[in-house]
Amino acid sequence: MNSITTSRSATRRLPLLASAALALIVSACSSGPRPLPSGQHIGEPVATRDVLPLATVDADPAKYFEQTLLVEATVTNVCAKMGCWMQVEDQGHQAMVRWEAGCGGQYKFPTEAIGKRVLIQGSFYPKEISEADAQHLESESNGKPIARVGYEMNASGVIVVGS
């Protein structure tokens, strides 16, 4: 084969190689966080990012400290008095969720969210609740127990999915 034939053959392959490279780039750019689901939005705007099941976060919690996360779980309990906290669960993993602004702020977790899936934007950290605080929370929990040791999320925004 002479150099002219080799050059023509390579020239014919360039469009195919360019098309393949472009397809790889487009697929890499389009694979990212999925759009947020529709539902009742409470709090600050929720940024589109990868959604992490609570069970995944709780399986290796230290990996997720000091970050803003978007965590998915099911609501199991909500403060019956002021809506200032909720408990969530995912595959046996549980966490307490409170608003970053604290109790009595402008946002409330709705009691109608119990049993529904939620996306929680916030930070995740270990938390130990004093006996006095736990008893106070239990007085607002419709008789459900409050864990004294576990994990908590400080929420800035929440989506109650499908509401």
Protein backbone atom coordinates (compact mmCIF):
# COMPACT_ATOMS: atom_id res chain seq x y z
CA MET A 1 0.00 0.00 0.00
CA ASN A 2 1.42 3.40 -0.90
CA SER A 3 1.30 6.61 1.18
CA ILE A 4 -1.55 8.12 -0.89
CA THR A 5 -3.82 5.13 -0.21
CA THR A 6 -2.97 5.22 3.49
CA SER A 7 -3.69 8.96 3.64
CA ARG A 8 -7.09 8.56 1.89
CA SER A 9 -8.05 5.71 4.24
CA ALA A 10 -7.20 7.82 7.29
CA THR A 11 -9.11 10.80 5.88
CA ARG A 12 -12.24 8.63 5.45
CA ARG A 13 -12.03 7.51 9.12
CA LEU A 14 -11.79 11.04 10.54
CA PRO A 15 -15.55 11.79 10.31
CA LEU A 16 -16.32 8.47 12.00
CA LEU A 17 -13.80 9.12 14.77
CA ALA A 18 -15.09 12.69 15.24
CA SER A 19 -18.68 11.44 15.46
CA ALA A 20 -17.75 8.82 18.04
CA ALA A 21 -15.86 11.38 20.13
CA LEU A 22 -18.80 13.79 19.99
CA ALA A 23 -21.22 11.05 21.07
CA LEU A 24 -19.02 10.26 24.08
CA ILE A 25 -18.86 13.92 25.09
CA VAL A 26 -22.63 14.39 24.77
CA SER A 27 -23.39 11.25 26.78
CA ALA A 28 -20.94 12.29 29.51
CA CYS A 29 -22.52 15.74 29.76
CA SER A 30 -26.06 14.40 29.88
CA SER A 31 -25.38 11.87 32.62
CA GLY A 32 -25.61 13.83 35.81
CA PRO A 33 -28.18 14.60 38.44
CA ARG A 34 -31.71 13.88 37.33
CA PRO A 35 -34.27 16.68 37.41
CA LEU A 36 -35.99 17.17 40.77
CA PRO A 37 -39.35 15.43 41.15
CA SER A 38 -42.51 17.46 41.51
CA GLY A 39 -44.08 17.91 44.92
CA GLN A 40 -44.65 20.32 47.75
CA HIS A 41 -41.56 22.50 48.14
CA ILE A 42 -40.80 23.93 51.60
CA GLY A 43 -37.88 26.16 52.53
CA GLU A 44 -35.03 27.47 50.44
CA PRO A 45 -34.66 26.48 46.77
CA VAL A 46 -33.43 22.91 46.35
CA ALA A 47 -30.46 22.58 44.00
CA THR A 48 -30.34 19.81 41.43
CA ARG A 49 -27.69 17.32 42.54
CA ASP A 50 -27.34 13.58 42.97
CA VAL A 51 -30.00 12.15 45.30
CA LEU A 52 -28.62 9.87 48.02
CA PRO A 53 -30.85 7.39 49.85
CA LEU A 54 -30.59 7.82 53.63
CA ALA A 55 -29.49 4.17 53.87
CA THR A 56 -26.47 4.96 51.66
CA VAL A 57 -25.50 8.00 53.74
CA ASP A 58 -26.01 6.16 57.04
CA ALA A 59 -23.91 3.20 55.86
CA ASP A 60 -20.77 5.41 55.79
CA PRO A 61 -21.83 8.61 57.60
CA ALA A 62 -18.41 10.24 58.11
CA LYS A 63 -17.98 10.32 54.32
CA TYR A 64 -20.88 12.79 54.12
CA PHE A 65 -20.18 15.16 57.02
CA GLU A 66 -19.43 18.83 56.20
CA GLN A 67 -21.31 18.68 52.87
CA THR A 68 -24.63 19.85 51.51
CA LEU A 69 -26.52 16.72 50.48
CA LEU A 70 -29.83 15.86 48.86
CA VAL A 71 -31.10 12.86 50.84
CA GLU A 72 -34.15 10.73 50.07
CA ALA A 73 -36.17 9.04 52.82
CA THR A 74 -39.72 8.44 54.06
CA VAL A 75 -41.24 10.59 56.80
CA THR A 76 -42.18 8.57 59.90
CA ASN A 77 -42.99 11.36 62.37
CA VAL A 78 -43.46 15.15 62.47
CA CYS A 79 -43.60 17.55 65.41
CA ALA A 80 -47.32 17.78 66.14
CA LYS A 81 -47.09 21.22 67.78
CA MET A 82 -45.02 23.45 65.47
CA GLY A 83 -43.73 21.25 62.62
CA CYS A 84 -40.17 22.14 63.60
CA TRP A 85 -38.72 18.62 63.24
CA MET A 86 -39.43 15.35 61.48
CA GLN A 87 -38.06 11.84 61.64
CA VAL A 88 -37.23 9.97 58.46
CA GLU A 89 -36.40 6.36 57.63
CA ASP A 90 -34.95 4.42 54.71
CA GLN A 91 -34.42 0.65 54.80
CA GLY A 92 -34.17 0.63 58.60
CA HIS A 93 -31.84 3.68 58.76
CA GLN A 94 -33.27 6.64 60.67
CA ALA A 95 -32.45 10.31 61.16
CA MET A 96 -33.94 13.38 62.80
CA VAL A 97 -34.43 16.42 60.54
CA ARG A 98 -34.63 19.99 61.78
CA TRP A 99 -34.63 23.34 60.00
CA GLU A 100 -31.33 25.20 59.80
CA ALA A 101 -33.16 28.27 61.14
CA GLY A 102 -34.37 26.34 64.20
CA CYS A 103 -37.76 25.82 65.78
CA GLY A 104 -40.26 28.63 65.37
CA GLY A 105 -38.73 29.79 62.09
CA GLN A 106 -40.63 30.56 58.93
CA TYR A 107 -40.76 26.94 57.68
CA LYS A 108 -42.68 23.98 59.04
CA PHE A 109 -42.69 20.29 58.18
CA PRO A 110 -46.29 19.31 57.36
CA THR A 111 -47.85 16.52 59.42
CA GLU A 112 -49.49 15.34 56.17
CA ALA A 113 -46.01 14.27 55.02
CA ILE A 114 -46.00 11.25 57.34
CA GLY A 115 -45.67 8.15 55.16
CA LYS A 116 -44.51 10.14 52.12
CA ARG A 117 -41.17 10.21 50.38
CA VAL A 118 -39.13 13.40 50.83
CA LEU A 119 -35.96 14.91 49.45
CA ILE A 120 -34.05 16.84 52.11
CA GLN A 121 -31.36 19.36 51.21
CA GLY A 122 -29.01 19.93 54.10
CA SER A 123 -26.06 18.78 56.17
CA PHE A 124 -25.75 15.43 57.94
CA TYR A 125 -23.99 14.96 61.26
CA PRO A 126 -23.97 12.80 64.43
CA LYS A 127 -26.26 13.95 67.22
CA GLU A 128 -26.79 12.98 70.83
CA ILE A 129 -29.97 14.30 72.45
CA SER A 130 -30.10 14.92 76.18
CA GLU A 131 -32.76 13.12 78.18
CA ALA A 132 -34.59 16.41 78.83
CA ASP A 133 -34.60 17.32 75.10
CA ALA A 134 -35.71 13.80 74.16
CA GLN A 135 -38.63 14.00 76.60
CA HIS A 136 -39.59 17.40 75.17
CA LEU A 137 -39.53 15.97 71.62
CA GLU A 138 -41.55 12.94 72.72
CA SER A 139 -44.22 15.28 74.11
CA GLU A 140 -44.58 16.58 70.52
CA SER A 141 -44.36 13.19 68.81
CA ASN A 142 -47.83 11.72 69.36
CA GLY A 143 -46.31 9.14 71.72
CA LYS A 144 -43.61 7.86 69.35
CA PRO A 145 -40.14 7.34 70.89
CA ILE A 146 -37.20 9.61 70.07
CA ALA A 147 -33.72 8.11 69.70
CA ARG A 148 -31.19 9.63 72.08
CA VAL A 149 -28.20 8.88 69.83
CA GLY A 150 -28.12 8.90 66.04
CA TYR A 151 -27.85 11.26 63.12
CA GLU A 152 -29.53 14.52 62.29
CA MET A 153 -29.93 16.66 59.20
CA ASN A 154 -30.11 20.43 59.23
CA ALA A 155 -32.52 21.11 56.35
CA SER A 156 -32.53 24.21 54.21
CA GLY A 157 -35.10 22.91 51.74
CA VAL A 158 -37.45 19.94 51.41
CA ILE A 159 -39.59 18.47 48.64
CA VAL A 160 -42.50 16.26 49.73
CA VAL A 161 -42.63 14.12 46.59
CA GLY A 162 -45.94 13.80 44.79
CA SER A 163 -47.79 16.29 46.99
